[in-house]
C-alpha atoms as a PDB file:
ATOM      1  CA  MET A   1      40.648  30.577  48.566  1.00  0.00           C
ATOM      2  CA  SER A   2      38.905  27.586  50.040  1.00  0.00           C
ATOM      3  CA  THR A   3      35.599  26.135  49.013  1.00  0.00           C
ATOM      4  CA  ARG A   4      33.860  24.764  52.043  1.00  0.00           C
ATOM      5  CA  ARG A   5      30.366  23.327  52.112  1.00  0.00           C
ATOM      6  CA  ALA A   6      28.553  22.170  55.234  1.00  0.00           C
ATOM      7  CA  GLY A   7      31.761  21.590  57.164  1.00  0.00           C
ATOM      8  CA  VAL A   8      33.013  18.886  54.792  1.00  0.00           C
ATOM      9  CA  CYS A   9      36.619  18.999  53.607  1.00  0.00           C
ATOM     10  CA  LYS A  10      37.039  17.698  50.090  1.00  0.00           C
ATOM     11  CA  ASP A  11      40.702  18.139  49.173  1.00  0.00           C
ATOM     12  CA  GLY A  12      42.409  15.002  50.391  1.00  0.00           C
ATOM     13  CA  LEU A  13      42.857  13.841  53.941  1.00  0.00           C
ATOM     14  CA  ASP A  14      39.626  13.266  55.849  1.00  0.00           C
ATOM     15  CA  VAL A  15      39.948  11.288  59.082  1.00  0.00           C
ATOM     16  CA  ARG A  16      36.954  10.579  61.300  1.00  0.00           C
ATOM     17  CA  ALA A  17      36.193   8.176  64.092  1.00  0.00           C
ATOM     18  CA  PRO A  18      35.063   4.777  62.794  1.00  0.00           C
ATOM     19  CA  ARG A  19      31.410   4.480  61.820  1.00  0.00           C
ATOM     20  CA  TRP A  20      30.630   2.074  64.671  1.00  0.00           C
ATOM     21  CA  VAL A  21      31.899   4.690  67.163  1.00  0.00           C
ATOM     22  CA  ARG A  22      29.672   7.360  65.660  1.00  0.00           C
ATOM     23  CA  VAL A  23      26.675   4.994  65.724  1.00  0.00           C
ATOM     24  CA  TYR A  24      27.453   4.156  69.351  1.00  0.00           C
ATOM     25  CA  ILE A  25      27.596   7.873  70.229  1.00  0.00           C
ATOM     26  CA  CYS A  26      24.189   8.436  68.611  1.00  0.00           C
ATOM     27  CA  CYS A  27      22.632   5.461  70.392  1.00  0.00           C
ATOM     28  CA  PHE A  28      24.112   6.465  73.743  1.00  0.00           C
ATOM     29  CA  ALA A  29      22.923  10.048  73.234  1.00  0.00           C
ATOM     30  CA  VAL A  30      19.359   8.872  72.552  1.00  0.00           C
ATOM     31  CA  LEU A  31      19.462   6.614  75.614  1.00  0.00           C
ATOM     32  CA  TRP A  32      20.912   9.373  77.838  1.00  0.00           C
ATOM     33  CA  LEU A  33      18.440  12.018  76.712  1.00  0.00           C
ATOM     34  CA  SER A  34      15.493   9.606  76.987  1.00  0.00           C
ATOM     35  CA  LEU A  35      16.509   8.711  80.514  1.00  0.00           C
ATOM     36  CA  LEU A  36      16.819  12.372  81.485  1.00  0.00           C
ATOM     37  CA  ALA A  37      13.451  13.167  79.902  1.00  0.00           C
ATOM     38  CA  SER A  38      11.757  10.346  81.801  1.00  0.00           C
ATOM     39  CA  PHE A  39      13.285  11.592  85.088  1.00  0.00           C
ATOM     40  CA  ALA A  40      12.132  15.123  84.337  1.00  0.00           C
ATOM     41  CA  VAL A  41       8.572  14.107  83.427  1.00  0.00           C
ATOM     42  CA  ARG A  42       8.247  11.794  86.412  1.00  0.00           C
ATOM     43  CA  GLY A  43       9.643  14.446  88.774  1.00  0.00           C
ATOM     44  CA  LEU A  44       7.518  17.279  87.448  1.00  0.00           C
ATOM     45  CA  ARG A  45       4.355  15.170  87.609  1.00  0.00           C
ATOM     46  CA  GLY A  46       5.149  14.482  91.259  1.00  0.00           C
ATOM     47  CA  GLY A  47       5.676  18.194  91.912  1.00  0.00           C
ATOM     48  CA  ASP A  48       9.447  17.863  92.418  1.00  0.00           C
ATOM     49  CA  ALA A  49      11.171  21.045  91.234  1.00  0.00           C
ATOM     50  CA  GLY A  50      14.510  19.250  91.526  1.00  0.00           C
ATOM     51  CA  ALA A  51      13.639  17.514  88.273  1.00  0.00           C
ATOM     52  CA  LEU A  52      14.511  20.763  86.486  1.00  0.00           C
ATOM     53  CA  VAL A  53      18.203  19.966  86.996  1.00  0.00           C
ATOM     54  CA  THR A  54      17.861  17.519  84.097  1.00  0.00           C
ATOM     55  CA  ALA A  55      17.527  20.418  81.624  1.00  0.00           C
ATOM     56  CA  PRO A  56      21.123  21.681  82.061  1.00  0.00           C
ATOM     57  CA  MET A  57      22.351  18.074  82.171  1.00  0.00           C
ATOM     58  CA  ALA A  58      20.654  17.450  78.830  1.00  0.00           C
ATOM     59  CA  ALA A  59      22.117  20.654  77.347  1.00  0.00           C
ATOM     60  CA  VAL A  60      25.661  19.702  78.390  1.00  0.00           C
ATOM     61  CA  GLY A  61      25.072  16.185  77.082  1.00  0.00           C
ATOM     62  CA  VAL A  62      23.889  17.440  73.696  1.00  0.00           C
ATOM     63  CA  PHE A  63      26.953  19.697  73.445  1.00  0.00           C
ATOM     64  CA  PHE A  64      29.407  16.895  74.159  1.00  0.00           C
ATOM     65  CA  PHE A  65      27.613  14.273  72.075  1.00  0.00           C
ATOM     66  CA  ALA A  66      27.641  16.663  69.105  1.00  0.00           C
ATOM     67  CA  ARG A  67      31.341  17.438  69.576  1.00  0.00           C
ATOM     68  CA  PHE A  68      32.286  13.753  69.946  1.00  0.00           C
ATOM     69  CA  PHE A  69      30.277  12.893  66.846  1.00  0.00           C
ATOM     70  CA  ARG A  70      32.029  15.603  64.817  1.00  0.00           C
ATOM     71  CA  LEU A  71      35.649  14.695  65.694  1.00  0.00           C
ATOM     72  CA  ARG A  72      37.581  15.067  62.465  1.00  0.00           C
ATOM     73  CA  ALA A  73      40.887  15.950  60.858  1.00  0.00           C
ATOM     74  CA  CYS A  74      40.949  17.003  57.234  1.00  0.00           C
ATOM     75  CA  THR A  75      42.857  19.106  54.772  1.00  0.00           C
ATOM     76  CA  GLU A  76      41.470  22.088  52.971  1.00  0.00           C
ATOM     77  CA  GLY A  77      43.899  23.662  50.548  1.00  0.00           C
ATOM     78  CA  ASP A  78      47.158  24.208  52.441  1.00  0.00           C
ATOM     79  CA  GLU A  79      45.527  23.909  55.864  1.00  0.00           C
ATOM     80  CA  LEU A  80      45.034  21.035  58.244  1.00  0.00           C
ATOM     81  CA  ILE A  81      41.761  21.402  60.142  1.00  0.00           C
ATOM     82  CA  VAL A  82      41.594  19.471  63.405  1.00  0.00           C
ATOM     83  CA  ARG A  83      38.181  19.410  65.071  1.00  0.00           C
ATOM     84  CA  ASN A  84      38.660  18.045  68.585  1.00  0.00           C
ATOM     85  CA  THR A  85      36.194  17.816  71.448  1.00  0.00           C
ATOM     86  CA  MET A  86      36.795  21.251  72.909  1.00  0.00           C
ATOM     87  CA  ARG A  87      38.440  23.197  70.086  1.00  0.00           C
ATOM     88  CA  THR A  88      38.800  23.389  66.318  1.00  0.00           C
ATOM     89  CA  ARG A  89      42.188  24.484  65.054  1.00  0.00           C
ATOM     90  CA  ARG A  90      43.433  25.352  61.561  1.00  0.00           C
ATOM     91  CA  ILE A  91      47.141  24.885  60.915  1.00  0.00           C
ATOM     92  CA  ARG A  92      48.931  25.925  57.731  1.00  0.00           C
ATOM     93  CA  ARG A  93      51.014  23.180  56.131  1.00  0.00           C
ATOM     94  CA  THR A  94      54.171  25.282  56.494  1.00  0.00           C
ATOM     95  CA  ASP A  95      53.597  25.478  60.269  1.00  0.00           C
ATOM     96  CA  ILE A  96      53.551  21.693  60.740  1.00  0.00           C
ATOM     97  CA  GLU A  97      56.909  20.485  61.968  1.00  0.00           C
ATOM     98  CA  ASP A  98      56.237  16.787  62.477  1.00  0.00           C
ATOM     99  CA  VAL A  99      53.503  14.189  62.854  1.00  0.00           C
ATOM    100  CA  ARG A 100      53.825  11.212  65.214  1.00  0.00           C
ATOM    101  CA  THR A 101      51.830   8.958  67.494  1.00  0.00           C
ATOM    102  CA  GLY A 102      51.760   9.150  71.272  1.00  0.00           C
ATOM    103  CA  THR A 103      49.631   9.855  74.329  1.00  0.00           C
ATOM    104  CA  PRO A 104      46.948  12.505  73.627  1.00  0.00           C
ATOM    105  CA  ARG A 105      47.569  15.921  75.177  1.00  0.00           C
ATOM    106  CA  GLY A 106      44.775  17.548  77.199  1.00  0.00           C
ATOM    107  CA  GLY A 107      41.041  17.407  76.704  1.00  0.00           C
ATOM    108  CA  PRO A 108      38.675  14.794  78.042  1.00  0.00           C
ATOM    109  CA  LEU A 109      40.241  12.087  75.873  1.00  0.00           C
ATOM    110  CA  SER A 110      43.727  11.813  77.389  1.00  0.00           C
ATOM    111  CA  ILE A 111      44.155   8.046  77.391  1.00  0.00           C
ATOM    112  CA  GLY A 112      45.432   5.587  74.837  1.00  0.00           C
ATOM    113  CA  GLU A 113      47.265   6.707  71.731  1.00  0.00           C
ATOM    114  CA  ALA A 114      46.568   9.261  68.995  1.00  0.00           C
ATOM    115  CA  VAL A 115      48.231  11.078  66.132  1.00  0.00           C
ATOM    116  CA  LEU A 116      50.045  14.177  67.401  1.00  0.00           C
ATOM    117  CA  VAL A 117      50.827  17.205  65.242  1.00  0.00           C
ATOM    118  CA  LEU A 118      53.886  19.216  66.278  1.00  0.00           C
ATOM    119  CA  VAL A 119      53.465  22.864  65.320  1.00  0.00           C
ATOM    120  CA  ARG A 120      56.309  25.334  64.733  1.00  0.00           C
ATOM    121  CA  ASP A 121      55.116  27.533  67.613  1.00  0.00           C
ATOM    122  CA  GLY A 122      56.121  24.715  69.996  1.00  0.00           C
ATOM    123  CA  SER A 123      52.626  23.394  70.641  1.00  0.00           C
ATOM    124  CA  MET A 124      51.538  19.800  70.179  1.00  0.00           C
ATOM    125  CA  LEU A 125      48.037  19.074  68.976  1.00  0.00           C
ATOM    126  CA  SER A 126      46.310  15.730  69.487  1.00  0.00           C
ATOM    127  CA  VAL A 127      44.061  14.536  66.677  1.00  0.00           C
ATOM    128  CA  GLU A 128      41.262  13.039  68.787  1.00  0.00           C
ATOM    129  CA  ALA A 129      39.584  11.445  65.756  1.00  0.00           C
ATOM    130  CA  THR A 130      42.539   9.036  65.615  1.00  0.00           C
ATOM    131  CA  MET A 131      42.545   8.154  69.319  1.00  0.00           C
ATOM    132  CA  ARG A 132      42.664   4.465  70.190  1.00  0.00           C
ATOM    133  CA  THR A 133      42.597   2.924  73.643  1.00  0.00           C
ATOM    134  CA  GLY A 134      44.342  -0.282  74.604  1.00  0.00           C
END
């Protein structure tokens, strides 16, 4: 039985993007959303209905900014929880075959190097919270 509060894993391993990356994501999100809001207000004041396209752009931006901010890998009991940009996956410790570094697999962050988890079912999972470019 796991005890989970507010999405925080407490057992042992807890890997997140560095703090400066998370601060950068927040600052960029504020800048992006402010820019979209100013375009929308300016367009709607001028009677331009095309300014409404900024609403879905803002919604998609909020989704991705939130997911990038919450990138994490942590353990909870006998499970490894990997929260990547597009998917969160729970893997039992007995199903982990190997852990290594290499090029990330899939997702919007497929450059650089990251920790890869090899699962017994033959899949390979990138831990995007560990991704480094360069």
